[in-house]
C-alpha atoms as a PDB file:
ATOM      1  CA  MET A   1       0.000   0.000   0.000  1.00  0.00           C
ATOM      2  CA  PRO A   2       1.543   3.328  -1.010  1.00  0.00           C
ATOM      3  CA  LYS A   3       2.271   5.725   1.772  1.00  0.00           C
ATOM      4  CA  THR A   4       1.370   8.813  -0.366  1.00  0.00           C
ATOM      5  CA  LYS A   5      -2.027   9.432  -1.938  1.00  0.00           C
ATOM      6  CA  TYR A   6      -2.372  11.144  -5.333  1.00  0.00           C
ATOM      7  CA  LYS A   7      -5.138  13.262  -6.809  1.00  0.00           C
ATOM      8  CA  PHE A   8      -5.734  13.847 -10.545  1.00  0.00           C
ATOM      9  CA  ASN A   9      -5.530  17.488 -11.557  1.00  0.00           C
ATOM     10  CA  SER A  10      -7.863  18.074 -14.523  1.00  0.00           C
ATOM     11  CA  GLU A  11      -6.199  21.342 -15.472  1.00  0.00           C
ATOM     12  CA  SER A  12      -2.652  20.038 -15.624  1.00  0.00           C
ATOM     13  CA  LEU A  13      -3.837  16.602 -16.630  1.00  0.00           C
ATOM     14  CA  SER A  14      -1.504  15.014 -14.108  1.00  0.00           C
ATOM     15  CA  PHE A  15      -1.523  13.280 -10.687  1.00  0.00           C
ATOM     16  CA  GLU A  16      -0.475  15.411  -7.801  1.00  0.00           C
ATOM     17  CA  PRO A  17       0.347  14.159  -4.249  1.00  0.00           C
ATOM     18  CA  VAL A  18      -2.286  14.861  -1.589  1.00  0.00           C
ATOM     19  CA  GLU A  19      -0.839  16.358   1.552  1.00  0.00           C
ATOM     20  CA  ARG A  20      -2.536  15.263   4.847  1.00  0.00           C
ATOM     21  CA  THR A  21      -2.858  17.544   7.833  1.00  0.00           C
ATOM     22  CA  LYS A  22      -1.559  16.558  11.255  1.00  0.00           C
ATOM     23  CA  ARG A  23      -5.134  16.272  12.515  1.00  0.00           C
ATOM     24  CA  GLN A  24      -6.012  13.806   9.745  1.00  0.00           C
ATOM     25  CA  LYS A  25      -2.868  11.792  10.451  1.00  0.00           C
ATOM     26  CA  PHE A  26      -3.765  11.628  14.205  1.00  0.00           C
ATOM     27  CA  TRP A  27      -7.324  10.388  13.647  1.00  0.00           C
ATOM     28  CA  ARG A  28      -6.139   7.869  11.086  1.00  0.00           C
ATOM     29  CA  LEU A  29      -3.604   6.473  13.535  1.00  0.00           C
ATOM     30  CA  THR A  30      -6.157   6.396  16.352  1.00  0.00           C
ATOM     31  CA  SER A  31      -8.762   4.552  14.300  1.00  0.00           C
ATOM     32  CA  THR A  32      -6.135   2.014  13.241  1.00  0.00           C
ATOM     33  CA  ILE A  33      -5.121   1.370  16.844  1.00  0.00           C
ATOM     34  CA  PHE A  34      -8.774   0.951  17.946  1.00  0.00           C
ATOM     35  CA  ALA A  35      -9.442  -1.423  15.079  1.00  0.00           C
ATOM     36  CA  LEU A  36      -6.469  -3.547  16.087  1.00  0.00           C
ATOM     37  CA  LEU A  37      -7.519  -3.565  19.758  1.00  0.00           C
ATOM     38  CA  PHE A  38     -11.076  -4.546  18.890  1.00  0.00           C
ATOM     39  CA  SER A  39      -9.826  -7.340  16.637  1.00  0.00           C
ATOM     40  CA  ALA A  40      -7.497  -8.596  19.390  1.00  0.00           C
ATOM     41  CA  ILE A  41     -10.253  -8.561  22.022  1.00  0.00           C
ATOM     42  CA  PHE A  42     -12.641 -10.308  19.664  1.00  0.00           C
ATOM     43  CA  LEU A  43     -10.114 -13.003  18.833  1.00  0.00           C
ATOM     44  CA  ILE A  44      -9.222 -13.537  22.525  1.00  0.00           C
ATOM     45  CA  SER A  45     -12.923 -13.794  23.451  1.00  0.00           C
ATOM     46  CA  ILE A  46     -13.563 -16.341  20.724  1.00  0.00           C
ATOM     47  CA  PHE A  47     -10.475 -18.306  21.817  1.00  0.00           C
ATOM     48  CA  SER A  48     -11.503 -18.280  25.504  1.00  0.00           C
ATOM     49  CA  LEU A  49     -14.917 -19.719  24.626  1.00  0.00           C
ATOM     50  CA  PHE A  50     -13.342 -22.892  23.277  1.00  0.00           C
ATOM     51  CA  PHE A  51      -9.993 -23.067  25.052  1.00  0.00           C
ATOM     52  CA  ASP A  52      -8.983 -22.504  28.706  1.00  0.00           C
ATOM     53  CA  LEU A  53      -6.069 -20.323  29.503  1.00  0.00           C
ATOM     54  CA  PRO A  54      -3.356 -21.911  31.698  1.00  0.00           C
ATOM     55  CA  LYS A  55      -4.492 -19.891  34.721  1.00  0.00           C
ATOM     56  CA  GLU A  56      -8.102 -20.889  34.162  1.00  0.00           C
ATOM     57  CA  LYS A  57      -7.130 -24.552  33.914  1.00  0.00           C
ATOM     58  CA  GLN A  58      -5.264 -24.323  37.204  1.00  0.00           C
ATOM     59  CA  LEU A  59      -8.206 -22.574  38.923  1.00  0.00           C
ATOM     60  CA  LYS A  60     -10.685 -25.167  37.628  1.00  0.00           C
ATOM     61  CA  ARG A  61      -8.483 -27.992  38.919  1.00  0.00           C
ATOM     62  CA  GLU A  62      -8.321 -26.319  42.337  1.00  0.00           C
ATOM     63  CA  ILE A  63     -12.120 -25.833  42.416  1.00  0.00           C
ATOM     64  CA  THR A  64     -12.667 -29.506  41.535  1.00  0.00           C
ATOM     65  CA  GLU A  65     -10.254 -30.593  44.292  1.00  0.00           C
ATOM     66  CA  LEU A  66     -11.964 -28.322  46.824  1.00  0.00           C
ATOM     67  CA  LEU A  67     -15.427 -29.671  45.941  1.00  0.00           C
ATOM     68  CA  THR A  68     -14.136 -33.233  46.340  1.00  0.00           C
ATOM     69  CA  LYS A  69     -12.675 -32.354  49.730  1.00  0.00           C
ATOM     70  CA  TYR A  70     -15.952 -30.741  50.817  1.00  0.00           C
ATOM     71  CA  GLU A  71     -17.834 -33.905  49.834  1.00  0.00           C
ATOM     72  CA  LEU A  72     -15.410 -36.052  51.850  1.00  0.00           C
ATOM     73  CA  LEU A  73     -15.675 -33.641  54.773  1.00  0.00           C
ATOM     74  CA  ASN A  74     -19.478 -33.893  54.698  1.00  0.00           C
ATOM     75  CA  LYS A  75     -19.269 -37.694  54.781  1.00  0.00           C
ATOM     76  CA  GLN A  76     -16.956 -37.502  57.797  1.00  0.00           C
ATOM     77  CA  LEU A  77     -19.368 -35.086  59.489  1.00  0.00           C
ATOM     78  CA  ASP A  78     -22.198 -37.555  58.848  1.00  0.00           C
ATOM     79  CA  ASN A  79     -20.135 -40.264  60.580  1.00  0.00           C
ATOM     80  CA  ILE A  80     -19.461 -37.931  63.497  1.00  0.00           C
ATOM     81  CA  GLU A  81     -23.199 -37.223  63.801  1.00  0.00           C
ATOM     82  CA  THR A  82     -23.886 -40.968  63.908  1.00  0.00           C
ATOM     83  CA  VAL A  83     -21.342 -41.496  66.692  1.00  0.00           C
ATOM     84  CA  LEU A  84     -22.660 -38.460  68.565  1.00  0.00           C
ATOM     85  CA  GLY A  85     -26.200 -39.856  68.251  1.00  0.00           C
ATOM     86  CA  ASP A  86     -25.057 -43.119  69.885  1.00  0.00           C
ATOM     87  CA  ILE A  87     -23.450 -41.160  72.734  1.00  0.00           C
ATOM     88  CA  GLN A  88     -26.625 -39.127  73.242  1.00  0.00           C
ATOM     89  CA  ASP A  89     -28.718 -42.308  73.253  1.00  0.00           C
ATOM     90  CA  ARG A  90     -26.516 -43.889  75.951  1.00  0.00           C
ATOM     91  CA  ASP A  91     -26.640 -40.666  77.928  1.00  0.00           C
ATOM     92  CA  ASP A  92     -30.459 -40.565  77.905  1.00  0.00           C
ATOM     93  CA  ASN A  93     -31.241 -44.271  78.202  1.00  0.00           C
ATOM     94  CA  ILE A  94     -28.422 -45.587  80.389  1.00  0.00           C
ATOM     95  CA  TYR A  95     -26.589 -42.972  82.423  1.00  0.00           C
ATOM     96  CA  ARG A  96     -29.606 -40.784  83.189  1.00  0.00           C
ATOM     97  CA  VAL A  97     -31.811 -43.820  83.842  1.00  0.00           C
ATOM     98  CA  VAL A  98     -29.282 -45.134  86.387  1.00  0.00           C
ATOM     99  CA  PHE A  99     -29.375 -41.830  88.247  1.00  0.00           C
ATOM    100  CA  GLU A 100     -33.141 -41.453  87.767  1.00  0.00           C
ATOM    101  CA  THR A 101     -33.075 -38.117  86.041  1.00  0.00           C
ATOM    102  CA  LYS A 102     -34.981 -36.974  82.977  1.00  0.00           C
ATOM    103  CA  PRO A 103     -33.361 -37.284  79.531  1.00  0.00           C
ATOM    104  CA  ILE A 104     -32.470 -34.124  77.658  1.00  0.00           C
ATOM    105  CA  PRO A 105     -35.382 -33.162  75.350  1.00  0.00           C
ATOM    106  CA  GLU A 106     -34.737 -33.679  71.643  1.00  0.00           C
ATOM    107  CA  ALA A 107     -35.711 -30.047  70.972  1.00  0.00           C
ATOM    108  CA  ILE A 108     -32.793 -28.888  73.136  1.00  0.00           C
ATOM    109  CA  ARG A 109     -30.305 -31.380  71.707  1.00  0.00           C
ATOM    110  CA  LYS A 110     -31.171 -30.462  68.106  1.00  0.00           C
ATOM    111  CA  ALA A 111     -31.713 -26.753  68.700  1.00  0.00           C
ATOM    112  CA  GLY A 112     -30.569 -24.651  65.757  1.00  0.00           C
ATOM    113  CA  ILE A 113     -28.629 -21.427  65.764  1.00  0.00           C
ATOM    114  CA  GLY A 114     -31.000 -18.487  65.440  1.00  0.00           C
ATOM    115  CA  GLY A 115     -30.471 -14.779  64.924  1.00  0.00           C
ATOM    116  CA  ILE A 116     -28.833 -13.113  61.920  1.00  0.00           C
ATOM    117  CA  ASN A 117     -27.801 -14.958  58.784  1.00  0.00           C
ATOM    118  CA  ARG A 118     -24.377 -16.286  59.789  1.00  0.00           C
ATOM    119  CA  TYR A 119     -23.577 -17.448  56.281  1.00  0.00           C
ATOM    120  CA  LYS A 120     -24.403 -14.341  54.239  1.00  0.00           C
ATOM    121  CA  GLU A 121     -20.786 -13.747  53.279  1.00  0.00           C
ATOM    122  CA  LEU A 122     -20.661 -17.224  51.723  1.00  0.00           C
ATOM    123  CA  GLU A 123     -23.600 -16.592  49.394  1.00  0.00           C
ATOM    124  CA  GLY A 124     -23.438 -15.525  45.747  1.00  0.00           C
ATOM    125  CA  PHE A 125     -20.829 -17.990  44.459  1.00  0.00           C
ATOM    126  CA  ASN A 126     -21.237 -20.905  42.054  1.00  0.00           C
ATOM    127  CA  ASN A 127     -20.670 -23.495  44.791  1.00  0.00           C
ATOM    128  CA  SER A 128     -22.000 -21.528  47.762  1.00  0.00           C
ATOM    129  CA  GLN A 129     -24.576 -24.126  48.831  1.00  0.00           C
ATOM    130  CA  ILE A 130     -22.156 -26.965  49.568  1.00  0.00           C
ATOM    131  CA  VAL A 131     -19.942 -24.586  51.566  1.00  0.00           C
ATOM    132  CA  ILE A 132     -22.918 -23.169  53.518  1.00  0.00           C
ATOM    133  CA  ASN A 133     -24.289 -26.659  54.234  1.00  0.00           C
ATOM    134  CA  THR A 134     -20.901 -27.776  55.557  1.00  0.00           C
ATOM    135  CA  PHE A 135     -20.618 -24.791  57.879  1.00  0.00           C
ATOM    136  CA  LYS A 136     -24.194 -25.323  59.100  1.00  0.00           C
ATOM    137  CA  LYS A 137     -23.459 -28.956  59.884  1.00  0.00           C
ATOM    138  CA  LEU A 138     -20.298 -27.985  61.743  1.00  0.00           C
ATOM    139  CA  ASP A 139     -22.210 -25.427  63.814  1.00  0.00           C
ATOM    140  CA  GLN A 140     -24.929 -27.984  64.639  1.00  0.00           C
ATOM    141  CA  ILE A 141     -22.386 -30.582  65.753  1.00  0.00           C
ATOM    142  CA  ARG A 142     -20.544 -27.953  67.786  1.00  0.00           C
ATOM    143  CA  GLY A 143     -23.790 -27.018  69.544  1.00  0.00           C
ATOM    144  CA  GLN A 144     -24.713 -30.658  70.249  1.00  0.00           C
ATOM    145  CA  LEU A 145     -21.234 -31.367  71.611  1.00  0.00           C
ATOM    146  CA  LYS A 146     -21.554 -28.408  73.961  1.00  0.00           C
ATOM    147  CA  ILE A 147     -24.888 -29.703  75.293  1.00  0.00           C
ATOM    148  CA  GLN A 148     -23.479 -33.242  75.610  1.00  0.00           C
ATOM    149  CA  SER A 149     -20.463 -31.920  77.505  1.00  0.00           C
ATOM    150  CA  GLN A 150     -22.755 -30.130  79.955  1.00  0.00           C
ATOM    151  CA  SER A 151     -24.826 -33.301  80.308  1.00  0.00           C
ATOM    152  CA  TYR A 152     -21.757 -35.362  81.206  1.00  0.00           C
ATOM    153  CA  LYS A 153     -20.825 -32.795  83.832  1.00  0.00           C
ATOM    154  CA  GLU A 154     -24.281 -33.286  85.379  1.00  0.00           C
ATOM    155  CA  VAL A 155     -23.938 -37.083  85.229  1.00  0.00           C
ATOM    156  CA  LEU A 156     -20.469 -36.852  86.810  1.00  0.00           C
ATOM    157  CA  SER A 157     -21.877 -34.662  89.583  1.00  0.00           C
ATOM    158  CA  MET A 158     -24.671 -37.200  90.176  1.00  0.00           C
ATOM    159  CA  ALA A 159     -22.135 -40.037  90.217  1.00  0.00           C
ATOM    160  CA  GLU A 160     -20.097 -38.204  92.849  1.00  0.00           C
ATOM    161  CA  LYS A 161     -23.269 -37.825  94.928  1.00  0.00           C
ATOM    162  CA  LYS A 162     -24.582 -41.350  94.320  1.00  0.00           C
ATOM    163  CA  ASP A 163     -24.220 -42.340  97.982  1.00  0.00           C
ATOM    164  CA  GLU A 164     -26.335 -39.344  98.951  1.00  0.00           C
ATOM    165  CA  MET A 165     -28.886 -40.240  96.281  1.00  0.00           C
ATOM    166  CA  TRP A 166     -29.151 -43.911  97.339  1.00  0.00           C
ATOM    167  CA  SER A 167     -29.604 -42.808 100.955  1.00  0.00           C
ATOM    168  CA  SER A 168     -32.374 -40.411  99.943  1.00  0.00           C
ATOM    169  CA  ILE A 169     -34.490 -42.782  97.866  1.00  0.00           C
ATOM    170  CA  PRO A 170     -37.237 -44.400 100.018  1.00  0.00           C
ATOM    171  CA  ALA A 171     -36.048 -47.978 100.567  1.00  0.00           C
ATOM    172  CA  ILE A 172     -37.432 -49.419 103.843  1.00  0.00           C
ATOM    173  CA  GLN A 173     -40.811 -50.053 105.458  1.00  0.00           C
ATOM    174  CA  PRO A 174     -42.125 -47.134 107.536  1.00  0.00           C
ATOM    175  CA  ILE A 175     -43.075 -49.468 110.435  1.00  0.00           C
ATOM    176  CA  ALA A 176     -41.446 -52.698 111.619  1.00  0.00           C
ATOM    177  CA  ASP A 177     -43.176 -55.553 109.787  1.00  0.00           C
ATOM    178  CA  ARG A 178     -40.724 -58.339 109.123  1.00  0.00           C
ATOM    179  CA  ASP A 179     -43.428 -60.982 108.731  1.00  0.00           C
ATOM    180  CA  VAL A 180     -45.572 -58.761 106.476  1.00  0.00           C
ATOM    181  CA  THR A 181     -48.624 -59.279 108.690  1.00  0.00           C
ATOM    182  CA  ARG A 182     -49.414 -55.581 108.983  1.00  0.00           C
ATOM    183  CA  PHE A 183     -50.030 -55.086 105.263  1.00  0.00           C
ATOM    184  CA  ALA A 184     -53.770 -54.427 104.955  1.00  0.00           C
ATOM    185  CA  SER A 185     -54.454 -52.669 101.670  1.00  0.00           C
ATOM    186  CA  GLY A 186     -52.328 -52.084  98.593  1.00  0.00           C
ATOM    187  CA  PHE A 187     -51.864 -49.477  95.881  1.00  0.00           C
ATOM    188  CA  GLY A 188     -54.539 -49.198  93.180  1.00  0.00           C
ATOM    189  CA  TYR A 189     -58.318 -49.097  92.939  1.00  0.00           C
ATOM    190  CA  ARG A 190     -60.004 -50.150  96.213  1.00  0.00           C
ATOM    191  CA  ILE A 191     -63.425 -49.857  97.848  1.00  0.00           C
ATOM    192  CA  HIS A 192     -63.529 -46.710  99.966  1.00  0.00           C
ATOM    193  CA  PRO A 193     -64.488 -47.683 103.579  1.00  0.00           C
ATOM    194  CA  ILE A 194     -66.793 -44.685 104.057  1.00  0.00           C
ATOM    195  CA  TYR A 195     -68.218 -43.918 100.617  1.00  0.00           C
ATOM    196  CA  LYS A 196     -68.322 -47.584  99.523  1.00  0.00           C
ATOM    197  CA  THR A 197     -67.260 -46.607  96.009  1.00  0.00           C
ATOM    198  CA  ARG A 198     -64.345 -47.806  93.912  1.00  0.00           C
ATOM    199  CA  LYS A 199     -61.602 -45.223  94.289  1.00  0.00           C
ATOM    200  CA  MET A 200     -57.908 -44.938  93.518  1.00  0.00           C
ATOM    201  CA  HIS A 201     -55.850 -45.696  96.628  1.00  0.00           C
ATOM    202  CA  THR A 202     -52.554 -43.809  96.147  1.00  0.00           C
ATOM    203  CA  GLY A 203     -50.632 -45.558  98.902  1.00  0.00           C
ATOM    204  CA  VAL A 204     -50.635 -48.632 101.167  1.00  0.00           C
ATOM    205  CA  ASP A 205     -52.349 -49.156 104.527  1.00  0.00           C
ATOM    206  CA  LEU A 206     -50.314 -50.816 107.270  1.00  0.00           C
ATOM    207  CA  THR A 207     -52.301 -51.863 110.365  1.00  0.00           C
ATOM    208  CA  ALA A 208     -50.709 -51.356 113.770  1.00  0.00           C
ATOM    209  CA  PRO A 209     -51.769 -50.409 117.305  1.00  0.00           C
ATOM    210  CA  ILE A 210     -51.917 -46.713 118.179  1.00  0.00           C
ATOM    211  CA  GLY A 211     -48.475 -45.577 119.266  1.00  0.00           C
ATOM    212  CA  THR A 212     -46.526 -47.915 116.958  1.00  0.00           C
ATOM    213  CA  LYS A 213     -43.339 -46.171 115.853  1.00  0.00           C
ATOM    214  CA  VAL A 214     -43.135 -44.728 112.339  1.00  0.00           C
ATOM    215  CA  TYR A 215     -39.748 -44.245 110.657  1.00  0.00           C
ATOM    216  CA  ALA A 216     -38.480 -42.111 107.771  1.00  0.00           C
ATOM    217  CA  THR A 217     -37.826 -44.337 104.775  1.00  0.00           C
ATOM    218  CA  GLY A 218     -35.046 -42.193 103.326  1.00  0.00           C
ATOM    219  CA  ASN A 219     -32.916 -39.131 104.021  1.00  0.00           C
ATOM    220  CA  GLY A 220     -34.636 -35.806 103.434  1.00  0.00           C
ATOM    221  CA  THR A 221     -36.200 -32.641 104.767  1.00  0.00           C
ATOM    222  CA  VAL A 222     -39.593 -32.456 106.474  1.00  0.00           C
ATOM    223  CA  LEU A 223     -41.832 -30.520 104.109  1.00  0.00           C
ATOM    224  CA  LYS A 224     -45.044 -30.665 106.160  1.00  0.00           C
ATOM    225  CA  ALA A 225     -45.791 -31.855 109.701  1.00  0.00           C
ATOM    226  CA  ASN A 226     -49.301 -30.800 110.687  1.00  0.00           C
ATOM    227  CA  LEU A 227     -52.983 -31.657 110.713  1.00  0.00           C
ATOM    228  CA  SER A 228     -54.182 -32.078 107.131  1.00  0.00           C
ATOM    229  CA  ARG A 229     -57.308 -30.273 105.960  1.00  0.00           C
ATOM    230  CA  GLY A 230     -58.104 -33.363 103.906  1.00  0.00           C
ATOM    231  CA  GLY A 231     -58.571 -36.896 105.089  1.00  0.00           C
ATOM    232  CA  TYR A 232     -54.973 -37.691 106.097  1.00  0.00           C
ATOM    233  CA  GLY A 233     -55.415 -36.336 109.648  1.00  0.00           C
ATOM    234  CA  LYS A 234     -52.051 -35.733 111.279  1.00  0.00           C
ATOM    235  CA  ARG A 235     -49.549 -36.261 108.494  1.00  0.00           C
ATOM    236  CA  ILE A 236     -45.891 -35.828 107.637  1.00  0.00           C
ATOM    237  CA  ILE A 237     -44.492 -35.203 104.145  1.00  0.00           C
ATOM    238  CA  ILE A 238     -40.743 -35.608 103.598  1.00  0.00           C
ATOM    239  CA  ASP A 239     -38.947 -34.217 100.557  1.00  0.00           C
ATOM    240  CA  HIS A 240     -36.086 -36.596  99.749  1.00  0.00           C
ATOM    241  CA  GLY A 241     -34.795 -34.688  96.740  1.00  0.00           C
ATOM    242  CA  TYR A 242     -34.220 -36.242  93.308  1.00  0.00           C
ATOM    243  CA  GLY A 243     -37.976 -35.917  92.712  1.00  0.00           C
ATOM    244  CA  TYR A 244     -39.008 -38.161  95.640  1.00  0.00           C
ATOM    245  CA  LYS A 245     -41.478 -37.401  98.437  1.00  0.00           C
ATOM    246  CA  THR A 246     -43.110 -39.665 101.045  1.00  0.00           C
ATOM    247  CA  LEU A 247     -46.314 -39.148 103.022  1.00  0.00           C
ATOM    248  CA  TYR A 248     -47.237 -40.666 106.399  1.00  0.00           C
ATOM    249  CA  GLY A 249     -50.926 -40.222 107.303  1.00  0.00           C
ATOM    250  CA  HIS A 250     -53.406 -40.736 110.192  1.00  0.00           C
ATOM    251  CA  LEU A 251     -50.674 -40.344 112.852  1.00  0.00           C
ATOM    252  CA  SER A 252     -51.451 -40.009 116.549  1.00  0.00           C
ATOM    253  CA  LYS A 253     -48.220 -38.107 117.212  1.00  0.00           C
ATOM    254  CA  ILE A 254     -45.872 -36.035 115.058  1.00  0.00           C
ATOM    255  CA  LEU A 255     -42.299 -36.097 116.394  1.00  0.00           C
ATOM    256  CA  VAL A 256     -40.633 -33.834 113.816  1.00  0.00           C
ATOM    257  CA  LYS A 257     -41.164 -30.283 112.630  1.00  0.00           C
ATOM    258  CA  ARG A 258     -41.172 -28.557 109.276  1.00  0.00           C
ATOM    259  CA  GLY A 259     -37.699 -27.938 107.851  1.00  0.00           C
ATOM    260  CA  GLN A 260     -36.066 -30.617 110.016  1.00  0.00           C
ATOM    261  CA  LYS A 261     -33.442 -32.849 108.401  1.00  0.00           C
ATOM    262  CA  VAL A 262     -34.038 -36.572 108.875  1.00  0.00           C
ATOM    263  CA  LYS A 263     -32.178 -39.738 107.936  1.00  0.00           C
ATOM    264  CA  ARG A 264     -33.462 -43.110 106.886  1.00  0.00           C
ATOM    265  CA  GLY A 265     -34.633 -44.981 109.980  1.00  0.00           C
ATOM    266  CA  ASP A 266     -35.184 -41.852 112.125  1.00  0.00           C
ATOM    267  CA  LEU A 267     -38.292 -41.928 114.323  1.00  0.00           C
ATOM    268  CA  ILE A 268     -40.733 -39.314 112.996  1.00  0.00           C
ATOM    269  CA  GLY A 269     -44.150 -40.189 114.463  1.00  0.00           C
ATOM    270  CA  GLU A 270     -46.574 -42.754 115.858  1.00  0.00           C
ATOM    271  CA  VAL A 271     -49.435 -44.679 114.281  1.00  0.00           C
ATOM    272  CA  GLY A 272     -52.932 -43.343 114.944  1.00  0.00           C
ATOM    273  CA  SER A 273     -56.392 -43.090 113.412  1.00  0.00           C
ATOM    274  CA  THR A 274     -56.799 -39.352 112.834  1.00  0.00           C
ATOM    275  CA  GLY A 275     -58.602 -37.911 109.807  1.00  0.00           C
ATOM    276  CA  ARG A 276     -60.847 -40.089 107.674  1.00  0.00           C
ATOM    277  CA  SER A 277     -59.800 -43.450 109.072  1.00  0.00           C
ATOM    278  CA  THR A 278     -61.831 -46.491 110.136  1.00  0.00           C
ATOM    279  CA  ALA A 279     -59.147 -48.135 112.311  1.00  0.00           C
ATOM    280  CA  PRO A 280     -55.620 -47.502 113.621  1.00  0.00           C
ATOM    281  CA  HIS A 281     -53.200 -47.776 110.704  1.00  0.00           C
ATOM    282  CA  LEU A 282     -50.507 -45.931 108.777  1.00  0.00           C
ATOM    283  CA  HIS A 283     -51.298 -44.665 105.289  1.00  0.00           C
ATOM    284  CA  TYR A 284     -47.958 -44.486 103.439  1.00  0.00           C
ATOM    285  CA  GLU A 285     -47.315 -42.941 100.006  1.00  0.00           C
ATOM    286  CA  VAL A 286     -44.315 -42.584  97.718  1.00  0.00           C
ATOM    287  CA  ARG A 287     -44.363 -39.881  95.039  1.00  0.00           C
ATOM    288  CA  LYS A 288     -41.913 -39.412  92.188  1.00  0.00           C
ATOM    289  CA  ASN A 289     -42.110 -36.037  90.444  1.00  0.00           C
ATOM    290  CA  ASN A 290     -45.468 -35.553  92.215  1.00  0.00           C
ATOM    291  CA  LYS A 291     -46.884 -38.767  90.726  1.00  0.00           C
ATOM    292  CA  ALA A 292     -47.999 -41.523  93.117  1.00  0.00           C
ATOM    293  CA  GLN A 293     -45.928 -44.723  92.973  1.00  0.00           C
ATOM    294  CA  ASP A 294     -46.623 -48.192  94.389  1.00  0.00           C
ATOM    295  CA  PRO A 295     -44.733 -48.097  97.724  1.00  0.00           C
ATOM    296  CA  ILE A 296     -43.997 -51.826  97.730  1.00  0.00           C
ATOM    297  CA  ASN A 297     -41.550 -51.177  94.886  1.00  0.00           C
ATOM    298  CA  TYR A 298     -39.512 -49.149  97.389  1.00  0.00           C
ATOM    299  CA  TYR A 299     -39.019 -51.821 100.038  1.00  0.00           C
ATOM    300  CA  PHE A 300     -35.901 -53.282  98.421  1.00  0.00           C
ATOM    301  CA  ASN A 301     -33.669 -52.693 101.482  1.00  0.00           C
ATOM    302  CA  ASP A 302     -36.046 -54.492 103.821  1.00  0.00           C
ATOM    303  CA  LEU A 303     -37.443 -57.604 102.161  1.00  0.00           C
ATOM    304  CA  THR A 304     -36.114 -60.887 100.866  1.00  0.00           C
ATOM    305  CA  PRO A 305     -37.393 -62.027  97.459  1.00  0.00           C
ATOM    306  CA  GLU A 306     -39.816 -64.382  99.214  1.00  0.00           C
ATOM    307  CA  GLU A 307     -41.149 -61.620 101.474  1.00  0.00           C
ATOM    308  CA  TYR A 308     -41.483 -59.307  98.490  1.00  0.00           C
ATOM    309  CA  ASP A 309     -43.478 -61.930  96.559  1.00  0.00           C
ATOM    310  CA  LYS A 310     -45.762 -62.347  99.565  1.00  0.00           C
ATOM    311  CA  MET A 311     -46.343 -58.600  99.762  1.00  0.00           C
ATOM    312  CA  ILE A 312     -47.103 -58.451  96.032  1.00  0.00           C
ATOM    313  CA  GLU A 313     -49.712 -61.144  96.535  1.00  0.00           C
ATOM    314  CA  ILE A 314     -51.350 -59.302  99.445  1.00  0.00           C
ATOM    315  CA  SER A 315     -51.272 -55.923  97.703  1.00  0.00           C
ATOM    316  CA  SER A 316     -53.049 -57.283  94.631  1.00  0.00           C
ATOM    317  CA  ARG A 317     -56.114 -58.358  96.575  1.00  0.00           C
ATOM    318  CA  PRO A 318     -59.133 -56.167  95.691  1.00  0.00           C
ATOM    319  CA  ASN A 319     -60.059 -55.492  99.323  1.00  0.00           C
ATOM    320  CA  GLN A 320     -61.315 -52.386 101.090  1.00  0.00           C
ATOM    321  CA  SER A 321     -58.875 -49.694 102.139  1.00  0.00           C
ATOM    322  CA  PHE A 322     -58.801 -48.198 105.665  1.00  0.00           C
ATOM    323  CA  ASP A 323     -59.102 -44.566 104.473  1.00  0.00           C
END
């Protein structure tokens, strides 16, 4: 391509060189440069659509490796959750059962993390979801481990106090009855002696002469020691802790006062026939978490297997209660 342009002169009938101004030369050069740049960008764009640059190849390899590692990490977290679930199950159904305490509610164990969106900074990327899910799972496991750690501290504390707990649980008969002859009426539905209707009897009736000694069946604190407004007459209620309470009704004498500490086997009162009672006897109740229990299941320190079987037989008779 010639560097100089020529123009035909009709008067001289000859070609004469055309002189360009500096301004024309500048714009020509600029347009050429822009055309080259556009062509280069276009070619690079077309090339990048079909071929990866070395840096892009390296980045894609790293992304693939990271995704593989995240998948492996999630599988390991699933295994950890399985192991943690087994630990939680043993905690609820073995350790806490041994120490007679309530299991940790599932809602507390599985409680999520509320409040602001903790994962907002991880959003907006191609593979955000797998990263967010991994962090969520980690946070959930961390929270469950914290609760489990606190639970084990409680279990350890209960284990250290097990002697105190065993001494507090009602475990003997409230009156001396080695031959089980004083057992008159058991736990369950019985005929009421006054109303002659079938009614739930929430304790056991032990017959004995007025003045027979009554003993605390476990360590605890006297919660009430007064004349009941109901049908128990003179009664004593002992709070043994660990959810246990015992009641001793129809007494002739109360030998303890409210707030007094007592130990298993301490003398606390004497048999009587106060309140709604048809004959001298002791009405004895065991309550766990304010729910009436069959007291004969709490005689394990006092009876041989044979004596226990005999008491079971007597207690199951559908006879009339004394109160």
